[in-house]
N, C-alpha and C. Protein backbone atom coordinates (compact mmCIF):
# COMPACT_ATOMS: atom_id res chain seq x y z
N MET A 1 -58.60 34.64 95.28
CA MET A 1 -58.58 33.60 94.31
C MET A 1 -58.43 33.69 92.77
N ASN A 2 -59.25 34.75 92.57
CA ASN A 2 -59.05 35.34 90.86
C ASN A 2 -57.77 35.31 90.74
N GLY A 3 -57.05 36.44 91.72
CA GLY A 3 -55.77 36.66 91.18
C GLY A 3 -54.59 35.36 90.73
N LEU A 4 -54.98 34.65 92.09
CA LEU A 4 -54.40 33.02 92.14
C LEU A 4 -54.20 32.54 90.70
N ALA A 5 -55.75 32.32 90.50
CA ALA A 5 -55.93 31.55 89.37
C ALA A 5 -55.21 32.29 88.21
N THR A 6 -55.28 33.49 87.70
CA THR A 6 -54.99 34.39 87.18
C THR A 6 -53.41 33.60 86.90
N ASP A 7 -52.97 33.59 87.50
CA ASP A 7 -51.24 33.63 88.19
C ASP A 7 -50.93 32.07 87.78
N ALA A 8 -51.72 31.28 88.10
CA ALA A 8 -51.43 29.94 87.56
C ALA A 8 -51.55 29.77 86.65
N ALA A 9 -52.51 30.43 85.48
CA ALA A 9 -52.93 29.83 84.28
C ALA A 9 -51.80 30.63 83.19
N ALA A 10 -51.84 31.33 83.88
CA ALA A 10 -50.34 32.68 83.27
C ALA A 10 -49.28 31.54 83.14
N THR A 11 -48.71 31.14 84.40
CA THR A 11 -47.78 30.06 84.18
C THR A 11 -47.46 28.74 83.64
N LEU A 12 -48.85 27.95 83.73
CA LEU A 12 -48.86 27.02 82.92
C LEU A 12 -49.22 27.30 81.29
N ARG A 13 -48.94 29.00 80.85
CA ARG A 13 -49.31 29.43 79.57
C ARG A 13 -47.68 29.26 79.23
N GLN A 14 -47.48 29.98 79.84
CA GLN A 14 -45.68 30.18 80.20
C GLN A 14 -44.92 28.79 79.62
N ARG A 15 -45.32 27.46 80.49
CA ARG A 15 -44.24 26.44 80.49
C ARG A 15 -45.04 25.91 78.93
N GLU A 16 -46.26 25.57 78.39
CA GLU A 16 -46.29 25.31 77.56
C GLU A 16 -45.95 26.05 76.36
N TRP A 17 -45.63 27.40 76.50
CA TRP A 17 -44.81 28.33 75.29
C TRP A 17 -43.65 27.79 75.54
N ARG A 18 -42.90 27.38 76.31
CA ARG A 18 -41.34 27.02 75.72
C ARG A 18 -41.30 25.80 75.58
N ARG A 19 -42.72 24.45 76.07
CA ARG A 19 -42.28 23.37 75.66
C ARG A 19 -42.39 23.22 73.85
N SER A 20 -43.50 23.98 73.81
CA SER A 20 -43.84 24.36 72.34
C SER A 20 -42.83 24.99 71.20
N SER A 21 -42.06 25.74 72.03
CA SER A 21 -41.21 26.87 71.40
C SER A 21 -39.95 25.62 71.45
N ASN A 22 -39.57 24.94 72.52
CA ASN A 22 -38.57 23.86 72.25
C ASN A 22 -38.76 22.74 70.98
N ALA A 23 -40.40 22.41 71.03
CA ALA A 23 -40.84 21.26 69.97
C ALA A 23 -40.52 22.05 68.21
N ARG A 24 -40.70 23.86 68.74
CA ARG A 24 -40.57 24.25 66.84
C ARG A 24 -39.20 24.36 66.81
N ARG A 25 -38.15 24.34 67.56
CA ARG A 25 -36.46 24.31 67.61
C ARG A 25 -36.38 22.63 67.11
N TRP A 26 -36.80 22.04 67.66
CA TRP A 26 -36.35 20.24 67.37
C TRP A 26 -37.18 19.66 66.25
N VAL A 27 -38.33 19.86 66.72
CA VAL A 27 -38.90 19.16 65.12
C VAL A 27 -38.54 19.41 63.79
N PRO A 28 -37.67 20.42 63.18
CA PRO A 28 -37.17 20.27 62.26
C PRO A 28 -35.65 20.06 62.32
N ALA A 29 -35.20 20.08 63.15
CA ALA A 29 -33.70 19.19 62.83
C ALA A 29 -33.88 17.56 63.14
N LEU A 30 -35.12 16.99 63.69
CA LEU A 30 -35.32 15.81 63.95
C LEU A 30 -35.49 15.23 62.09
N LEU A 31 -36.64 16.02 61.57
CA LEU A 31 -37.26 15.74 60.43
C LEU A 31 -35.67 15.98 59.00
N ALA A 32 -35.28 17.24 59.79
CA ALA A 32 -34.04 16.63 58.93
C ALA A 32 -33.20 15.78 58.60
N LEU A 33 -32.94 14.88 60.16
CA LEU A 33 -32.49 14.04 59.90
C LEU A 33 -32.73 12.48 59.83
N LEU A 34 -33.71 12.58 60.30
CA LEU A 34 -34.83 11.31 59.70
C LEU A 34 -34.59 11.63 57.73
N LEU A 35 -34.64 12.65 57.29
CA LEU A 35 -34.58 12.73 55.58
C LEU A 35 -33.08 12.09 55.71
N VAL A 36 -32.02 12.85 55.87
CA VAL A 36 -30.40 12.20 55.95
C VAL A 36 -30.94 10.76 56.00
N VAL A 37 -30.83 10.41 57.05
CA VAL A 37 -31.06 8.64 57.23
C VAL A 37 -31.57 8.18 56.58
N SER A 38 -33.00 7.87 56.08
CA SER A 38 -33.87 7.71 55.30
C SER A 38 -33.15 7.82 53.73
N GLY A 39 -32.56 8.85 53.29
CA GLY A 39 -31.62 8.74 52.26
C GLY A 39 -30.50 8.02 52.14
N CYS A 40 -29.69 7.77 53.12
CA CYS A 40 -28.67 7.12 53.12
C CYS A 40 -29.10 5.73 53.61
N ALA A 41 -30.33 5.14 53.47
CA ALA A 41 -30.66 3.56 53.91
C ALA A 41 -31.26 3.26 52.70
N THR A 42 -31.30 3.69 51.26
CA THR A 42 -31.85 3.61 49.98
C THR A 42 -30.63 2.57 49.18
N GLU A 43 -30.90 1.66 48.78
CA GLU A 43 -30.26 1.02 47.83
C GLU A 43 -29.52 2.00 46.50
N PRO A 44 -28.47 2.30 46.22
CA PRO A 44 -28.40 2.48 45.11
C PRO A 44 -28.27 1.92 44.00
N GLN A 45 -29.16 2.36 42.81
CA GLN A 45 -29.54 1.80 41.73
C GLN A 45 -28.42 1.51 40.64
N PRO A 46 -28.05 0.12 40.46
CA PRO A 46 -27.17 -0.31 38.98
C PRO A 46 -27.36 0.71 38.07
N ALA A 47 -25.61 1.19 37.39
CA ALA A 47 -26.00 2.29 36.18
C ALA A 47 -26.50 1.25 35.15
N VAL A 48 -27.86 1.24 34.45
CA VAL A 48 -28.69 0.66 33.35
C VAL A 48 -27.30 0.69 32.14
N ARG A 49 -27.31 -0.42 31.49
CA ARG A 49 -26.45 -0.52 30.74
C ARG A 49 -27.76 -0.35 28.78
N SER A 50 -26.70 0.50 28.32
CA SER A 50 -27.55 0.68 27.24
C SER A 50 -26.81 0.20 26.05
N GLY A 51 -27.70 0.05 25.06
CA GLY A 51 -26.46 -0.56 23.54
C GLY A 51 -27.34 -0.77 22.68
N SER A 52 -26.89 -0.94 21.12
CA SER A 52 -27.65 -1.11 20.13
C SER A 52 -28.46 -2.81 19.90
N GLY A 53 -27.56 -3.33 20.76
CA GLY A 53 -27.57 -4.68 21.02
C GLY A 53 -27.23 -5.82 19.81
N GLU A 54 -26.68 -5.11 18.56
CA GLU A 54 -25.84 -5.06 17.82
C GLU A 54 -24.43 -6.31 18.13
N ILE A 55 -24.08 -7.21 17.97
CA ILE A 55 -22.86 -8.48 18.04
C ILE A 55 -22.21 -7.95 16.81
N ARG A 56 -21.12 -7.73 17.47
CA ARG A 56 -19.83 -7.14 15.90
C ARG A 56 -18.95 -8.17 16.44
N HIS A 57 -18.04 -8.26 15.39
CA HIS A 57 -16.88 -8.82 14.86
C HIS A 57 -15.35 -8.21 14.70
N GLU A 58 -15.57 -7.33 13.65
CA GLU A 58 -14.58 -6.35 13.34
C GLU A 58 -13.07 -6.34 14.56
N LEU A 59 -11.86 -6.69 14.41
CA LEU A 59 -11.08 -6.51 15.19
C LEU A 59 -10.59 -5.20 15.53
N ALA A 60 -10.90 -3.85 14.36
CA ALA A 60 -9.71 -3.03 14.62
C ALA A 60 -10.31 -2.04 15.93
N PRO A 61 -12.00 -2.03 15.77
CA PRO A 61 -11.94 -1.07 17.27
C PRO A 61 -11.57 -1.48 18.54
N LEU A 62 -11.04 -2.78 18.77
CA LEU A 62 -10.91 -3.17 19.80
C LEU A 62 -9.23 -3.43 19.77
N THR A 63 -8.72 -3.55 18.72
CA THR A 63 -6.78 -3.90 18.87
C THR A 63 -6.75 -2.10 18.69
N ASP A 64 -7.67 -1.28 18.47
CA ASP A 64 -7.11 0.14 18.50
C ASP A 64 -7.41 0.55 20.19
N ARG A 65 -7.94 0.10 21.00
CA ARG A 65 -8.18 0.53 22.27
C ARG A 65 -7.26 -0.89 23.28
N PHE A 66 -7.02 -1.83 22.77
CA PHE A 66 -6.26 -2.57 23.34
C PHE A 66 -5.44 -3.15 22.72
N PRO A 67 -3.90 -2.73 21.97
CA PRO A 67 -3.18 -3.27 21.21
C PRO A 67 -2.48 -4.60 21.81
N GLN A 68 -2.89 -4.80 22.76
CA GLN A 68 -2.46 -6.22 23.64
C GLN A 68 -3.28 -7.42 22.87
N LEU A 69 -3.82 -7.12 21.93
CA LEU A 69 -5.13 -7.51 21.57
C LEU A 69 -4.78 -8.03 20.07
N SER A 70 -3.33 -7.38 19.47
CA SER A 70 -3.19 -7.23 18.11
C SER A 70 -3.19 -8.40 17.55
N GLU A 71 -2.95 -9.59 18.28
CA GLU A 71 -2.53 -10.92 17.93
C GLU A 71 -3.73 -11.81 17.73
N ALA A 72 -4.75 -10.90 17.75
CA ALA A 72 -6.48 -11.94 17.86
C ALA A 72 -6.26 -12.17 16.23
N ALA A 73 -7.37 -13.53 16.28
CA ALA A 73 -7.43 -14.18 15.12
C ALA A 73 -9.04 -13.71 14.89
N GLU A 74 -9.86 -14.07 15.84
CA GLU A 74 -11.58 -13.00 15.66
C GLU A 74 -11.92 -12.53 16.83
N ALA A 75 -13.19 -12.39 16.84
CA ALA A 75 -13.73 -11.77 18.08
C ALA A 75 -15.15 -11.34 18.16
N THR A 76 -15.80 -11.56 18.94
CA THR A 76 -17.01 -11.02 19.28
C THR A 76 -17.89 -10.01 20.44
N TRP A 77 -18.07 -8.98 19.78
CA TRP A 77 -18.34 -8.18 20.98
C TRP A 77 -19.49 -7.37 20.80
N MET A 78 -19.67 -6.70 21.96
CA MET A 78 -20.95 -5.58 22.44
C MET A 78 -20.55 -4.53 23.00
N SER A 79 -21.22 -3.14 22.94
CA SER A 79 -20.53 -2.12 23.49
C SER A 79 -22.31 -1.31 23.61
N GLY A 80 -21.53 -0.29 24.01
CA GLY A 80 -22.69 0.85 24.47
C GLY A 80 -22.63 1.72 25.69
N THR A 81 -23.55 2.32 26.39
CA THR A 81 -23.29 3.51 26.94
C THR A 81 -23.95 3.05 28.24
N MET A 82 -23.27 3.22 29.78
CA MET A 82 -24.05 2.80 30.83
C MET A 82 -24.97 4.43 31.28
N GLY A 83 -25.94 4.35 32.01
CA GLY A 83 -27.04 5.40 32.54
C GLY A 83 -27.92 5.67 31.21
N ASP A 84 -28.26 6.53 32.06
CA ASP A 84 -29.55 7.34 30.88
C ASP A 84 -28.80 8.20 29.93
N ASP A 85 -29.16 8.19 28.43
CA ASP A 85 -28.60 8.55 27.52
C ASP A 85 -28.85 10.52 27.22
N ARG A 86 -30.49 10.89 28.42
CA ARG A 86 -30.76 12.32 28.44
C ARG A 86 -30.11 12.65 29.74
N ALA A 87 -29.17 12.22 30.49
CA ALA A 87 -28.84 12.91 31.33
C ALA A 87 -27.53 13.68 31.04
N PRO A 88 -27.15 15.04 31.31
CA PRO A 88 -26.09 15.68 31.27
C PRO A 88 -24.39 15.61 31.53
N GLY A 89 -23.54 15.44 30.86
CA GLY A 89 -22.42 15.03 30.87
C GLY A 89 -21.96 14.04 30.04
N PRO A 90 -20.62 13.82 30.50
CA PRO A 90 -19.88 12.76 29.81
C PRO A 90 -20.39 11.34 29.84
N SER A 91 -20.46 10.83 28.98
CA SER A 91 -21.21 9.46 29.16
C SER A 91 -19.81 8.32 29.26
N THR A 92 -19.86 7.32 29.80
CA THR A 92 -19.52 6.19 30.01
C THR A 92 -19.75 5.19 29.67
N TYR A 93 -18.68 4.34 28.48
CA TYR A 93 -18.84 3.60 27.82
C TYR A 93 -18.08 2.30 28.18
N TRP A 94 -19.07 0.59 27.57
CA TRP A 94 -18.90 -0.32 27.80
C TRP A 94 -18.33 -1.10 26.72
N ILE A 95 -17.48 -2.05 26.91
CA ILE A 95 -17.32 -3.15 25.89
C ILE A 95 -17.03 -4.23 26.94
N ASP A 96 -18.01 -5.56 25.98
CA ASP A 96 -17.29 -6.64 26.39
C ASP A 96 -17.47 -7.65 25.22
N ALA A 97 -16.15 -8.23 25.17
CA ALA A 97 -15.79 -9.40 24.10
C ALA A 97 -15.14 -10.17 24.46
N ILE A 98 -15.50 -11.36 23.39
CA ILE A 98 -15.06 -12.37 23.95
C ILE A 98 -14.09 -12.52 22.34
N VAL A 99 -12.53 -12.85 22.90
CA VAL A 99 -11.18 -12.41 21.62
C VAL A 99 -10.95 -13.83 21.45
N THR A 100 -10.62 -14.83 20.94
CA THR A 100 -9.69 -15.72 19.95
C THR A 100 -8.54 -15.60 19.53
N PHE A 101 -7.59 -16.65 20.01
CA PHE A 101 -6.14 -16.20 19.17
C PHE A 101 -5.75 -17.36 18.62
N ASP A 102 -4.90 -17.48 18.08
CA ASP A 102 -4.38 -19.07 17.24
C ASP A 102 -3.15 -19.50 18.87
N GLU A 103 -2.77 -20.28 17.93
CA GLU A 103 -1.86 -21.15 19.25
C GLU A 103 -0.68 -20.13 19.71
N ASN A 104 -0.30 -19.71 18.78
CA ASN A 104 1.12 -18.62 18.79
C ASN A 104 0.93 -17.66 19.91
N GLY A 105 -0.29 -16.72 18.92
CA GLY A 105 -0.63 -15.56 19.82
C GLY A 105 -1.52 -15.69 20.78
N TYR A 106 -1.90 -16.71 21.44
CA TYR A 106 -2.36 -16.83 22.86
C TYR A 106 -1.58 -17.27 23.58
N ALA A 107 -0.22 -17.97 23.24
CA ALA A 107 0.68 -18.18 24.16
C ALA A 107 1.79 -16.83 24.41
N ALA A 108 1.92 -16.07 23.64
CA ALA A 108 2.52 -14.84 24.02
C ALA A 108 1.36 -13.91 24.76
N LEU A 109 0.25 -13.93 24.59
CA LEU A 109 -0.40 -12.91 25.43
C LEU A 109 -0.41 -14.07 26.50
N ARG A 110 -0.57 -15.30 26.98
CA ARG A 110 -0.96 -15.96 28.17
C ARG A 110 0.78 -15.78 28.75
N SER A 111 1.60 -15.46 28.34
CA SER A 111 3.13 -15.28 28.78
C SER A 111 3.69 -14.05 29.40
N GLN A 112 2.51 -13.17 29.40
CA GLN A 112 2.29 -11.68 29.53
C GLN A 112 2.70 -11.42 31.23
N SER A 113 1.91 -12.58 31.90
CA SER A 113 1.42 -11.98 33.46
C SER A 113 1.11 -13.16 33.94
N SER A 114 1.32 -13.46 35.14
CA SER A 114 1.46 -14.28 35.97
C SER A 114 -0.28 -14.64 36.47
N LEU A 115 -0.96 -15.50 35.75
CA LEU A 115 -2.52 -15.54 36.01
C LEU A 115 -2.91 -16.88 37.34
N GLU A 116 -3.66 -16.70 37.78
CA GLU A 116 -4.15 -17.34 38.56
C GLU A 116 -5.41 -18.32 38.26
N SER A 117 -5.79 -19.48 38.68
CA SER A 117 -7.51 -20.10 38.53
C SER A 117 -8.56 -19.61 39.25
N THR A 118 -9.51 -19.11 38.87
CA THR A 118 -10.36 -18.20 39.51
C THR A 118 -11.80 -19.39 39.21
N THR A 119 -12.77 -18.79 40.03
CA THR A 119 -14.46 -19.48 40.38
C THR A 119 -15.22 -18.55 40.08
N GLU A 120 -14.39 -17.32 39.96
CA GLU A 120 -15.27 -16.07 39.38
C GLU A 120 -15.46 -16.21 37.84
N LEU A 121 -17.04 -15.90 37.40
CA LEU A 121 -16.94 -15.79 36.17
C LEU A 121 -17.42 -14.83 35.74
N PRO A 122 -16.73 -14.18 33.92
CA PRO A 122 -17.25 -13.03 33.29
C PRO A 122 -18.58 -12.77 33.55
N THR A 123 -18.93 -11.31 33.97
CA THR A 123 -20.39 -10.73 33.59
C THR A 123 -20.66 -9.66 32.41
N LEU A 124 -20.78 -10.68 31.44
CA LEU A 124 -20.73 -9.83 30.01
C LEU A 124 -21.93 -9.48 29.68
N ASP A 125 -22.87 -8.75 28.73
CA ASP A 125 -23.79 -8.74 28.09
C ASP A 125 -24.72 -9.86 27.75
N SER A 126 -25.97 -10.23 28.12
CA SER A 126 -26.57 -11.48 27.41
C SER A 126 -26.36 -12.00 26.12
N GLY A 127 -26.35 -10.75 25.50
CA GLY A 127 -26.11 -11.06 24.06
C GLY A 127 -25.33 -12.09 23.73
N LEU A 128 -23.88 -12.21 24.47
CA LEU A 128 -22.87 -13.16 24.43
C LEU A 128 -22.57 -14.32 25.04
N ASP A 129 -23.32 -14.66 25.44
CA ASP A 129 -23.98 -16.00 26.30
C ASP A 129 -23.38 -16.73 25.28
N PRO A 130 -24.27 -16.92 24.16
CA PRO A 130 -23.94 -18.51 23.45
C PRO A 130 -22.28 -18.27 22.99
N SER A 131 -21.47 -17.14 23.16
CA SER A 131 -20.19 -17.26 22.62
C SER A 131 -19.09 -17.85 23.83
N LEU A 132 -19.54 -17.65 24.82
CA LEU A 132 -18.61 -17.34 26.24
C LEU A 132 -18.10 -19.20 26.51
N PRO A 133 -17.03 -18.73 26.55
CA PRO A 133 -16.20 -20.33 26.91
C PRO A 133 -16.67 -21.00 27.94
N ALA A 134 -16.65 -22.08 28.32
CA ALA A 134 -16.92 -22.68 29.43
C ALA A 134 -16.17 -22.71 30.53
N GLY A 135 -15.04 -22.13 30.44
CA GLY A 135 -13.96 -21.78 31.31
C GLY A 135 -13.35 -23.61 31.46
N PRO A 136 -12.46 -23.63 32.38
CA PRO A 136 -12.42 -22.74 33.97
C PRO A 136 -11.36 -21.61 33.28
N PHE A 137 -11.55 -20.17 33.87
CA PHE A 137 -10.98 -19.39 33.84
C PHE A 137 -10.02 -18.80 34.30
N LEU A 138 -9.06 -18.29 33.83
CA LEU A 138 -7.47 -17.32 34.64
C LEU A 138 -7.54 -16.00 34.25
N ARG A 139 -7.05 -15.55 35.59
CA ARG A 139 -7.21 -14.27 35.82
C ARG A 139 -6.10 -13.58 37.02
N SER A 140 -5.78 -12.25 36.67
CA SER A 140 -4.86 -11.55 37.95
C SER A 140 -5.09 -10.04 37.52
N ASP A 141 -5.04 -9.53 38.70
CA ASP A 141 -5.44 -7.78 39.36
C ASP A 141 -4.30 -7.01 37.88
N THR A 142 -2.72 -7.76 38.59
CA THR A 142 -1.95 -7.22 37.10
C THR A 142 -2.41 -7.54 35.94
N PHE A 143 -3.03 -8.55 35.47
CA PHE A 143 -3.37 -8.69 34.08
C PHE A 143 -4.50 -7.28 33.46
N ASP A 144 -5.48 -7.04 34.74
CA ASP A 144 -6.41 -6.37 34.67
C ASP A 144 -5.72 -4.91 34.51
N ALA A 145 -4.78 -4.86 34.62
CA ALA A 145 -4.22 -3.77 34.94
C ALA A 145 -3.15 -2.89 33.74
N GLU A 146 -2.95 -4.00 33.44
CA GLU A 146 -2.52 -4.05 31.73
C GLU A 146 -3.39 -3.43 30.54
N PHE A 147 -4.32 -3.74 31.02
CA PHE A 147 -5.41 -3.78 30.09
C PHE A 147 -6.51 -2.43 30.61
N SER A 148 -6.06 -1.81 31.58
CA SER A 148 -6.57 -0.81 32.17
C SER A 148 -5.70 0.66 31.82
N GLN A 149 -5.65 0.56 30.49
CA GLN A 149 -4.64 1.76 30.22
C GLN A 149 -5.52 3.11 29.94
N ASP A 150 -5.12 4.29 29.73
CA ASP A 150 -5.72 5.19 29.01
C ASP A 150 -7.48 5.64 30.04
N GLY A 151 -7.48 5.71 31.45
CA GLY A 151 -8.50 5.91 31.83
C GLY A 151 -9.71 4.91 32.10
N ARG A 152 -9.24 3.52 30.85
CA ARG A 152 -10.15 2.39 31.38
C ARG A 152 -10.54 1.52 32.31
N ARG A 153 -11.29 1.01 32.84
CA ARG A 153 -11.38 0.02 33.76
C ARG A 153 -11.90 -1.25 33.35
N THR A 154 -10.79 -2.26 33.36
CA THR A 154 -11.31 -3.63 32.44
C THR A 154 -11.02 -4.90 33.62
N THR A 155 -11.76 -5.95 33.07
CA THR A 155 -11.42 -7.00 33.56
C THR A 155 -11.50 -7.96 32.91
N VAL A 156 -10.14 -8.98 33.12
CA VAL A 156 -9.76 -9.85 31.45
C VAL A 156 -9.97 -11.36 32.27
N PHE A 157 -10.25 -12.27 31.64
CA PHE A 157 -10.59 -13.78 32.17
C PHE A 157 -9.78 -14.36 30.70
N LEU A 158 -9.09 -15.60 31.18
CA LEU A 158 -8.27 -16.31 29.47
C LEU A 158 -9.10 -17.51 29.99
N ASP A 159 -9.29 -18.12 28.88
CA ASP A 159 -9.55 -19.62 29.02
C ASP A 159 -8.74 -20.31 27.89
N ASP A 160 -7.77 -21.55 28.77
CA ASP A 160 -6.81 -21.59 28.09
C ASP A 160 -7.50 -22.86 26.92
N GLU A 161 -8.31 -23.83 27.17
CA GLU A 161 -9.05 -24.29 26.17
C GLU A 161 -9.09 -23.90 25.07
N SER A 162 -10.14 -22.96 24.78
CA SER A 162 -10.79 -22.21 23.60
C SER A 162 -9.44 -20.77 23.21
N ARG A 163 -8.41 -21.09 24.20
CA ARG A 163 -7.41 -20.05 23.68
C ARG A 163 -8.39 -18.32 23.59
N SER A 164 -8.98 -18.32 24.43
CA SER A 164 -10.01 -17.23 24.45
C SER A 164 -9.40 -16.07 25.68
N LEU A 165 -9.60 -15.07 25.14
CA LEU A 165 -9.50 -13.99 26.42
C LEU A 165 -11.23 -13.07 26.44
N VAL A 166 -11.54 -13.33 27.78
CA VAL A 166 -12.80 -12.54 27.31
C VAL A 166 -12.91 -11.16 28.75
N LEU A 167 -13.24 -9.86 27.90
CA LEU A 167 -12.92 -9.02 28.89
C LEU A 167 -14.61 -7.98 28.92
N THR A 168 -14.66 -7.54 29.81
CA THR A 168 -15.41 -6.22 29.97
C THR A 168 -14.64 -5.25 30.41
N SER A 169 -14.53 -3.78 29.84
CA SER A 169 -14.04 -2.35 30.32
C SER A 169 -15.30 -1.38 29.93
N TRP A 170 -15.33 -0.36 31.04
CA TRP A 170 -15.61 1.04 31.12
C TRP A 170 -14.72 1.84 30.85
N PHE A 171 -15.04 3.05 30.14
CA PHE A 171 -14.31 3.86 30.15
C PHE A 171 -15.28 5.70 29.43
N GLU A 172 -14.77 6.84 29.92
CA GLU A 172 -15.52 7.76 29.43
C GLU A 172 -14.56 8.35 27.91
């Protein structure tokens, strides 16, 4: 009997060892999978805008970047960087602007592209809210592309009543 008990105990130990050996192989793989899945499930954080908060009115910095604005009569705009200034690497810059034209300048700008009425509203820095025209706005992807030169990504809206162009642009 003693020999049978010893053999049975040895067999049980072998089974337990195999089970624990399989568990030792699978547990790290399952943990890694769990980390990957949980990492994918987190919501990406939007890039934080930073800037001086200064509302600017000079035209030259805008017309240098956007020659299409050369006929502008006046502008109200803000700019800054995206993300954390302490992070290494190139910065992404942003410009939000509301640019007003005289009648002839606006007509020339308006004729450059076919535009459609939109219910979409410009998303600008809140410091520009008091200057934002009421709309309704016009826009088109083609018009955006005309302003998205030299690595800039620009969204453009036009407001016929105020003869204004509203743009938001990002670039490095």
